[in-house]
Amino acid sequence: MNKINNIIAIKFAFLFVVFCNVIVDVAHKVFLQNIAFKVFDGSTQVIWVSIINALIIIPFLLLFTVSGYLSDKYNKKNILIYGAVSSFVLSLLMVLSYISGNFYVAMAGLFLLAIQSAIYSPAKFGLIIDIYGKKNISNGNAVLQAISMIAILFSIASASFVFENFYDANHLSTLSTKEQLLDAILPLTYYILPVAFLEMVVSMVFLRRVGTNYVKNESLTLDTNELLKGKLLVKNIGIIFSNNIIFLSVIGLSVFWGISQGLMAVFPSFAKQYLGISDVFVINGVIGASGIGIAIGSILYSKISKHYIEIGTIPLAITGMSLMIYISTIVQTPLLLGLSFLLFGMFGGLFVVPLNALIQFNAKKRVLGTILAGNNWFHSLSMFIMLMITSIVSYYSLDPLNTLYLI
């Protein structure tokens, strides 16, 4: 089959399938989170939201070694293609779980989607060097980060909007259990299927024809005994520790995503208790503003750092993010909350893009997949720890405002 050499077509196909993949995963998570938000209150609500978020995170912790091995062993574009096929199949499975009316089956389906994402992610970031080249690695990371954030924002906003309107139009407030509400919103899942189908078609038609610098590593094998004993995990973490720049970048990114996860888990309860906001579209809109901010920050960084990696934005971003978290506990209106989250995300974009670029620039190509998977592992570990902290403090009925101060 002929290779596609048009760089614009390559970039468009790559970014389009990433966009669709994010939408599918996030939309299903938003539906389940919104059900928990409508059915539960207070600490119980925070715990359920944390559990749903944990389902997304745990596969990244468990599959660190496997996803890194697959990304280093096989052509990364093929991993994206098979990932797109599995995304469509799992979307069909999610529809069946809603038909069953069993909330736990739907949670299991979400967990399978997260497994797909855990394997997909290292290959996705690993392709940036092939598509954009080392010279433009900052720009490639900025564009990918922006597209991912736009997809997250679009998915959160659209899923919350249709959920809230469907909820009101059909008087679903009379339903008192998560199973009843799951069954009632079944029609909403049909809108996700075309997106998953488009991702699969574009991946199979275009991505498979993209030329890469892939050379199969015949010597690379996966020792299942070492894997099950955890020895490969220790070895792969050691690879990250061996390079100080990569290690510090990974730690910085992990702290950022951990804090972001904590904010997402606690903010809905804070908004409901202190501001009287019960509209999931408004709440997710405020959270989604941080996604817009990350996209803006990523684009801004690409303008600042076109052919080199500018690290001066990192300390500025840390100061800005800390200030915005504090301001979000003071303001009283959704508009000002959205603005504070927008600025938090913008500083976040100026923080994560250079750190991701530093990791990819300093990693040796033969272990790039392992390092990127390890990066995801540390992110997930940080997010999981934050979820556990927010769940524990909620279980003991700590005020959500105090939890934000803790974050």
Protein backbone atom coordinates (compact mmCIF):
# COMPACT_ATOMS: atom_id res chain seq x y z
CA MET A 1 0.00 0.00 0.00
CA ASN A 2 1.36 3.47 -0.93
CA LYS A 3 2.69 5.68 1.81
CA ILE A 4 1.26 9.14 2.41
CA ASN A 5 4.07 11.69 2.10
CA ASN A 6 1.97 14.87 2.36
CA ILE A 7 2.88 16.16 5.81
CA ILE A 8 -0.37 18.12 6.15
CA ALA A 9 -2.46 14.99 5.50
CA ILE A 10 -0.32 13.04 7.97
CA LYS A 11 -0.74 15.61 10.71
CA PHE A 12 -4.46 16.01 10.10
CA ALA A 13 -5.15 12.26 10.20
CA PHE A 14 -3.06 11.86 13.35
CA LEU A 15 -4.70 14.74 15.21
CA PHE A 16 -8.19 13.75 14.05
CA VAL A 17 -7.98 10.20 15.40
CA VAL A 18 -6.51 11.49 18.68
CA PHE A 19 -9.41 13.97 18.90
CA CYS A 20 -12.01 11.24 18.34
CA ASN A 21 -10.33 8.83 20.75
CA VAL A 22 -10.42 11.39 23.55
CA ILE A 23 -14.07 12.25 22.89
CA VAL A 24 -15.19 8.63 23.14
CA ASP A 25 -13.41 8.00 26.45
CA VAL A 26 -14.38 11.27 28.11
CA ALA A 27 -18.05 11.22 27.03
CA HIS A 28 -18.70 7.84 28.68
CA LYS A 29 -16.90 8.96 31.84
CA VAL A 30 -18.94 12.18 31.95
CA PHE A 31 -22.24 10.29 31.65
CA LEU A 32 -21.38 8.03 34.61
CA GLN A 33 -20.09 10.96 36.66
CA ASN A 34 -23.24 12.96 35.97
CA ILE A 35 -25.36 10.05 37.13
CA ALA A 36 -23.39 9.97 40.40
CA PHE A 37 -23.77 13.75 40.72
CA LYS A 38 -27.56 13.60 40.31
CA VAL A 39 -28.14 10.60 42.58
CA PHE A 40 -25.69 11.29 45.43
CA ASP A 41 -24.77 14.29 47.59
CA GLY A 42 -21.88 15.44 49.76
CA SER A 43 -19.15 13.00 50.72
CA THR A 44 -20.95 10.06 49.08
CA GLN A 45 -20.92 11.93 45.80
CA VAL A 46 -17.19 12.68 46.03
CA ILE A 47 -16.43 9.03 46.78
CA TRP A 48 -18.45 7.79 43.78
CA VAL A 49 -16.85 10.37 41.47
CA SER A 50 -13.44 9.29 42.79
CA ILE A 51 -14.24 5.62 42.10
CA ILE A 52 -15.27 6.42 38.52
CA ASN A 53 -12.07 8.42 38.02
CA ALA A 54 -10.04 5.60 39.55
CA LEU A 55 -11.36 3.24 36.87
CA ILE A 56 -9.67 5.49 34.30
CA ILE A 57 -6.40 5.68 36.22
CA ILE A 58 -5.80 2.10 37.42
CA PRO A 59 -5.07 0.61 33.94
CA PHE A 60 -2.25 3.14 33.49
CA LEU A 61 -0.73 1.85 36.74
CA LEU A 62 -1.16 -1.84 35.91
CA LEU A 63 -0.12 -1.69 32.25
CA PHE A 64 2.96 0.52 32.47
CA THR A 65 5.38 -2.25 31.48
CA VAL A 66 3.10 -3.85 28.88
CA SER A 67 2.17 -0.59 27.13
CA GLY A 68 5.81 0.51 27.02
CA TYR A 69 6.87 -2.88 25.61
CA LEU A 70 4.21 -2.76 22.89
CA SER A 71 5.15 0.79 21.92
CA ASP A 72 8.86 -0.09 21.67
CA LYS A 73 8.34 -3.47 19.97
CA TYR A 74 5.72 -2.64 17.35
CA ASN A 75 5.00 0.18 14.93
CA LYS A 76 3.29 2.93 16.89
CA LYS A 77 0.93 3.79 14.06
CA ASN A 78 -0.38 0.21 14.11
CA ILE A 79 -1.07 0.50 17.83
CA LEU A 80 -3.19 3.56 17.08
CA ILE A 81 -5.06 1.66 14.35
CA TYR A 82 -5.85 -1.33 16.55
CA GLY A 83 -6.71 1.09 19.33
CA ALA A 84 -9.27 2.78 17.10
CA VAL A 85 -10.89 -0.56 16.24
CA SER A 86 -11.07 -1.53 19.91
CA SER A 87 -12.52 1.90 20.76
CA PHE A 88 -15.44 1.28 18.38
CA VAL A 89 -16.01 -2.26 19.68
CA LEU A 90 -15.93 -1.05 23.29
CA SER A 91 -18.37 1.75 22.46
CA LEU A 92 -20.80 -0.92 21.28
CA LEU A 93 -20.19 -2.77 24.54
CA MET A 94 -20.97 0.40 26.50
CA VAL A 95 -24.32 0.68 24.72
CA LEU A 96 -25.10 -2.89 25.74
CA SER A 97 -24.17 -2.10 29.35
CA TYR A 98 -26.68 0.78 29.36
CA ILE A 99 -29.31 -1.53 27.88
CA SER A 100 -28.65 -3.96 30.74
CA GLY A 101 -29.39 -1.20 33.25
CA ASN A 102 -26.51 -2.43 35.40
CA PHE A 103 -24.35 0.46 36.59
CA TYR A 104 -21.49 -1.87 37.54
CA VAL A 105 -21.39 -3.38 34.05
CA ALA A 106 -21.14 0.16 32.65
CA MET A 107 -18.26 0.83 35.05
CA ALA A 108 -16.56 -2.35 33.79
CA GLY A 109 -16.96 -1.10 30.21
CA LEU A 110 -15.38 2.21 31.20
CA PHE A 111 -12.49 0.27 32.74
CA LEU A 112 -11.94 -1.56 29.42
CA LEU A 113 -11.91 1.78 27.58
CA ALA A 114 -9.25 2.95 30.03
CA ILE A 115 -7.15 -0.16 29.25
CA GLN A 116 -7.32 0.80 25.59
CA SER A 117 -6.20 4.35 26.47
CA ALA A 118 -3.30 3.09 28.59
CA ILE A 119 -1.90 1.16 25.62
CA TYR A 120 -2.76 3.93 23.14
CA SER A 121 -1.09 6.83 24.98
CA PRO A 122 2.67 5.97 24.72
CA ALA A 123 2.30 5.22 21.01
CA LYS A 124 0.44 8.50 20.48
CA PHE A 125 3.17 10.61 22.08
CA GLY A 126 5.91 8.49 20.53
CA LEU A 127 4.69 9.31 17.02
CA ILE A 128 5.28 13.02 17.53
CA ILE A 129 8.98 12.71 16.71
CA ASP A 130 8.21 10.72 13.52
CA ILE A 131 5.60 13.22 12.35
CA TYR A 132 7.07 16.55 13.48
CA GLY A 133 10.78 15.73 13.84
CA LYS A 134 13.09 16.61 16.75
CA LYS A 135 13.53 20.18 15.50
CA ASN A 136 9.80 20.88 15.89
CA ILE A 137 9.16 18.66 18.90
CA SER A 138 7.95 21.59 21.05
CA ASN A 139 5.47 22.59 18.37
CA GLY A 140 4.28 18.98 17.97
CA ASN A 141 3.71 18.62 21.69
CA ALA A 142 1.92 21.96 21.85
CA VAL A 143 -0.45 21.04 19.01
CA LEU A 144 -1.15 17.56 20.42
CA GLN A 145 -1.76 19.01 23.90
CA ALA A 146 -4.06 21.67 22.46
CA ILE A 147 -6.04 19.16 20.38
CA SER A 148 -6.36 16.81 23.36
CA MET A 149 -7.62 19.60 25.60
CA ILE A 150 -10.05 20.87 22.97
CA ALA A 151 -11.37 17.31 22.60
CA ILE A 152 -11.73 16.95 26.37
CA LEU A 153 -13.51 20.30 26.59
CA PHE A 154 -15.80 19.52 23.66
CA SER A 155 -16.65 16.11 25.06
CA ILE A 156 -17.31 17.41 28.59
CA ALA A 157 -19.40 20.33 27.32
CA SER A 158 -21.43 18.40 24.74
CA ALA A 159 -22.00 15.35 26.96
CA SER A 160 -23.04 17.53 29.91
CA PHE A 161 -25.26 19.72 27.73
CA VAL A 162 -27.20 16.84 26.16
CA PHE A 163 -27.36 15.04 29.53
CA GLU A 164 -28.76 18.07 31.38
CA ASN A 165 -31.29 18.89 28.65
CA PHE A 166 -32.38 15.26 28.35
CA TYR A 167 -32.60 15.04 32.15
CA ASP A 168 -34.87 18.10 32.38
CA ALA A 169 -36.95 17.38 29.28
CA ASN A 170 -37.80 13.87 30.45
CA HIS A 171 -38.28 14.80 34.14
CA LEU A 172 -35.63 12.33 35.26
CA SER A 173 -35.34 14.04 38.65
CA THR A 174 -38.04 11.63 39.80
CA LEU A 175 -35.58 8.74 39.42
CA SER A 176 -33.80 7.91 42.66
CA THR A 177 -31.24 5.22 41.77
CA LYS A 178 -28.20 5.12 39.53
CA GLU A 179 -29.57 2.07 37.71
CA GLN A 180 -32.80 3.83 36.79
CA LEU A 181 -30.95 6.87 35.49
CA LEU A 182 -28.48 4.72 33.56
CA ASP A 183 -31.33 2.98 31.76
CA ALA A 184 -33.10 6.28 31.08
CA ILE A 185 -30.17 7.97 29.29
CA LEU A 186 -29.50 5.05 26.92
CA PRO A 187 -30.36 7.16 23.79
CA LEU A 188 -27.47 9.50 24.57
CA THR A 189 -24.91 6.75 24.04
CA TYR A 190 -25.95 6.41 20.39
CA TYR A 191 -24.31 9.76 19.60
CA ILE A 192 -20.88 8.45 20.62
CA LEU A 193 -20.89 5.55 18.15
CA PRO A 194 -20.42 7.67 14.97
CA VAL A 195 -17.37 9.36 16.52
CA ALA A 196 -15.79 5.98 17.35
CA PHE A 197 -16.65 4.76 13.84
CA LEU A 198 -14.99 7.80 12.24
CA GLU A 199 -11.86 7.26 14.33
CA MET A 200 -11.69 3.66 13.15
CA VAL A 201 -12.23 4.51 9.46
CA VAL A 202 -9.68 7.35 9.34
CA SER A 203 -7.14 5.21 11.20
CA MET A 204 -7.56 2.25 8.84
CA VAL A 205 -7.65 4.32 5.64
CA PHE A 206 -5.01 6.97 6.39
CA LEU A 207 -2.80 6.08 9.35
CA ARG A 208 -1.86 2.68 7.98
CA ARG A 209 -0.40 4.42 4.92
CA VAL A 210 1.75 6.86 6.89
CA GLY A 211 5.50 6.37 6.55
CA THR A 212 7.47 6.17 9.84
CA ASN A 213 11.05 5.43 10.86
CA TYR A 214 9.96 2.21 12.55
CA VAL A 215 12.48 -0.66 12.65
CA LYS A 216 11.27 -3.84 14.35
CA ASN A 217 13.28 -4.73 17.44
CA GLU A 218 13.55 -8.52 17.19
CA SER A 219 15.61 -8.79 20.38
CA LEU A 220 13.01 -7.10 22.57
CA THR A 221 10.90 -9.63 24.50
CA LEU A 222 8.51 -9.53 27.43
CA ASP A 223 9.43 -11.88 30.27
CA THR A 224 6.07 -12.70 31.86
CA ASN A 225 7.67 -14.16 35.00
CA GLU A 226 9.67 -10.99 35.57
CA LEU A 227 6.55 -8.98 34.78
CA LEU A 228 4.39 -10.76 37.35
CA LYS A 229 7.13 -10.50 39.99
CA GLY A 230 7.33 -6.74 39.43
CA LYS A 231 10.99 -6.87 38.43
CA LEU A 232 10.31 -5.36 35.01
CA LEU A 233 8.42 -2.52 36.67
CA VAL A 234 11.44 -1.73 38.85
CA LYS A 235 13.77 -1.99 35.85
CA ASN A 236 11.66 0.34 33.72
CA ILE A 237 11.32 2.88 36.53
CA GLY A 238 15.10 2.71 36.81
CA ILE A 239 15.37 3.78 33.16
CA ILE A 240 13.49 6.98 34.03
CA PHE A 241 15.60 7.57 37.15
CA SER A 242 18.81 7.19 35.14
CA ASN A 243 18.29 10.54 33.39
CA ASN A 244 17.89 13.46 35.78
CA ILE A 245 16.15 15.74 33.26
CA ILE A 246 13.59 13.06 32.38
CA PHE A 247 13.04 12.14 36.02
CA LEU A 248 12.44 15.73 37.19
CA SER A 249 10.15 16.39 34.21
CA VAL A 250 8.10 13.29 35.03
CA ILE A 251 7.78 14.32 38.69
CA GLY A 252 6.70 17.84 37.73
CA LEU A 253 4.04 16.54 35.34
CA SER A 254 2.82 14.03 37.93
CA VAL A 255 2.30 16.76 40.55
CA PHE A 256 0.34 18.86 38.02
CA TRP A 257 -1.99 16.03 36.96
CA GLY A 258 -2.46 14.94 40.57
CA ILE A 259 -3.58 18.43 41.59
CA SER A 260 -5.84 18.67 38.54
CA GLN A 261 -7.45 15.32 39.41
CA GLY A 262 -8.08 16.46 42.97
CA LEU A 263 -9.75 19.65 41.76
CA MET A 264 -12.00 17.71 39.38
CA ALA A 265 -13.05 15.32 42.15
CA VAL A 266 -13.80 17.94 44.81
CA PHE A 267 -15.09 20.93 42.83
CA PRO A 268 -18.60 19.53 41.98
CA SER A 269 -19.32 18.95 45.68
CA PHE A 270 -17.89 22.39 46.57
CA ALA A 271 -20.02 24.11 43.92
CA LYS A 272 -23.17 22.31 45.01
CA GLN A 273 -22.67 22.93 48.74
CA TYR A 274 -21.30 26.49 48.74
CA LEU A 275 -22.63 28.07 45.57
CA GLY A 276 -25.88 26.14 45.13
CA ILE A 277 -24.95 25.04 41.59
CA SER A 278 -26.64 21.78 40.65
CA ASP A 279 -26.53 22.10 36.84
CA VAL A 280 -23.91 19.61 35.61
CA PHE A 281 -23.46 21.64 32.42
CA VAL A 282 -22.39 24.71 34.44
CA ILE A 283 -20.13 22.67 36.72
CA ASN A 284 -18.46 20.78 33.88
CA GLY A 285 -18.27 24.05 31.95
CA VAL A 286 -16.20 25.59 34.75
CA ILE A 287 -13.96 22.51 34.86
CA GLY A 288 -13.82 22.50 31.07
CA ALA A 289 -12.56 26.09 31.13
CA SER A 290 -9.27 24.69 32.44
CA GLY A 291 -9.13 22.61 29.26
CA ILE A 292 -9.51 25.74 27.14
CA GLY A 293 -6.79 27.31 29.24
CA ILE A 294 -4.39 24.42 28.65
CA ALA A 295 -5.06 24.66 24.91
CA ILE A 296 -4.40 28.42 24.97
CA GLY A 297 -1.28 27.96 27.09
CA SER A 298 -0.03 25.23 24.75
CA ILE A 299 -0.54 27.41 21.66
CA LEU A 300 1.05 30.38 23.42
CA TYR A 301 4.06 28.23 24.29
CA SER A 302 4.42 27.11 20.67
CA LYS A 303 4.71 30.80 19.69
CA ILE A 304 7.31 31.45 22.41
CA SER A 305 9.37 28.33 21.64
CA LYS A 306 9.33 27.45 17.94
CA HIS A 307 12.64 25.66 17.38
CA TYR A 308 13.90 25.15 20.91
CA ILE A 309 12.56 24.16 24.34
CA GLU A 310 11.98 27.25 26.50
CA ILE A 311 12.05 26.30 30.19
CA GLY A 312 11.60 29.81 31.57
CA THR A 313 7.81 29.39 31.50
CA ILE A 314 7.95 26.61 34.12
CA PRO A 315 8.50 28.69 37.32
CA LEU A 316 6.08 31.35 36.03
CA ALA A 317 3.45 28.66 35.48
CA ILE A 318 3.90 27.19 38.97
CA THR A 319 3.29 30.60 40.58
CA GLY A 320 0.28 31.30 38.37
CA MET A 321 -1.39 27.93 39.02
CA SER A 322 -1.01 28.26 42.79
CA LEU A 323 -2.55 31.72 42.73
CA MET A 324 -5.50 30.61 40.58
CA ILE A 325 -6.35 27.69 42.90
CA TYR A 326 -6.49 30.12 45.84
CA ILE A 327 -8.64 32.60 43.92
CA SER A 328 -11.10 29.83 42.98
CA THR A 329 -11.91 29.39 46.69
CA ILE A 330 -12.78 33.09 47.07
CA VAL A 331 -14.91 34.00 44.04
CA GLN A 332 -18.65 33.40 44.23
CA THR A 333 -19.98 33.31 40.67
CA PRO A 334 -19.70 30.70 37.90
CA LEU A 335 -18.23 33.34 35.58
CA LEU A 336 -15.35 34.21 37.92
CA LEU A 337 -14.83 30.53 38.75
CA GLY A 338 -14.61 29.77 35.04
CA LEU A 339 -12.09 32.59 34.59
CA SER A 340 -9.91 31.32 37.44
CA PHE A 341 -9.99 27.78 36.02
CA LEU A 342 -9.24 29.17 32.54
CA LEU A 343 -6.13 30.93 33.83
CA PHE A 344 -5.14 27.87 35.86
CA GLY A 345 -5.28 25.83 32.66
CA MET A 346 -3.35 28.45 30.68
CA PHE A 347 -0.51 28.35 33.19
CA GLY A 348 -0.83 24.56 33.09
CA GLY A 349 -0.24 24.59 29.33
CA LEU A 350 2.91 26.66 29.82
CA PHE A 351 4.00 24.02 32.34
CA VAL A 352 3.24 20.66 30.72
CA VAL A 353 4.33 21.31 27.13
CA PRO A 354 8.02 22.07 27.85
CA LEU A 355 8.23 19.17 30.31
CA ASN A 356 6.77 16.71 27.78
CA ALA A 357 9.16 18.05 25.14
CA LEU A 358 12.15 17.64 27.48
CA ILE A 359 11.22 14.01 28.07
CA GLN A 360 10.93 13.18 24.37
CA PHE A 361 14.05 15.13 23.40
CA ASN A 362 16.27 13.46 26.01
CA ALA A 363 14.91 9.90 25.67
CA LYS A 364 16.74 7.37 23.53
CA LYS A 365 14.50 6.18 20.70
CA ARG A 366 14.86 2.47 21.54
CA VAL A 367 13.33 3.04 25.00
CA LEU A 368 11.07 5.98 24.14
CA GLY A 369 7.90 3.90 24.50
CA THR A 370 8.96 2.63 27.92
CA ILE A 371 9.80 6.14 29.13
CA LEU A 372 6.51 7.59 27.86
CA ALA A 373 4.57 4.73 29.45
CA GLY A 374 6.51 5.35 32.66
CA ASN A 375 5.59 9.01 32.44
CA ASN A 376 1.93 7.95 32.27
CA TRP A 377 2.50 5.57 35.19
CA PHE A 378 3.79 8.32 37.45
CA HIS A 379 0.94 10.62 36.36
CA SER A 380 -1.58 7.92 37.18
CA LEU A 381 0.06 7.12 40.51
CA SER A 382 -0.11 10.78 41.50
CA MET A 383 -3.74 11.04 40.40
CA PHE A 384 -4.65 7.82 42.18
CA ILE A 385 -3.04 9.02 45.41
CA MET A 386 -4.94 12.30 45.14
CA LEU A 387 -8.20 10.42 44.56
CA MET A 388 -7.54 8.31 47.64
CA ILE A 389 -6.86 11.43 49.69
CA THR A 390 -10.05 13.17 48.51
CA SER A 391 -12.07 10.00 49.12
CA ILE A 392 -10.69 9.58 52.65
CA VAL A 393 -11.32 13.18 53.65
CA SER A 394 -14.81 12.97 52.14
CA TYR A 395 -15.50 9.73 54.01
CA TYR A 396 -14.70 11.54 57.25
CA SER A 397 -16.93 14.44 56.10
CA LEU A 398 -14.17 17.03 55.75
CA ASP A 399 -15.58 20.23 54.29
CA PRO A 400 -14.94 20.42 50.48
CA LEU A 401 -13.61 23.97 50.92
CA ASN A 402 -10.99 22.68 53.36
CA THR A 403 -10.18 19.91 50.89
CA LEU A 404 -9.46 22.57 48.25
CA TYR A 405 -7.18 24.32 50.71
CA LEU A 406 -5.43 20.98 51.26
CA ILE A 407 -4.90 20.60 47.51
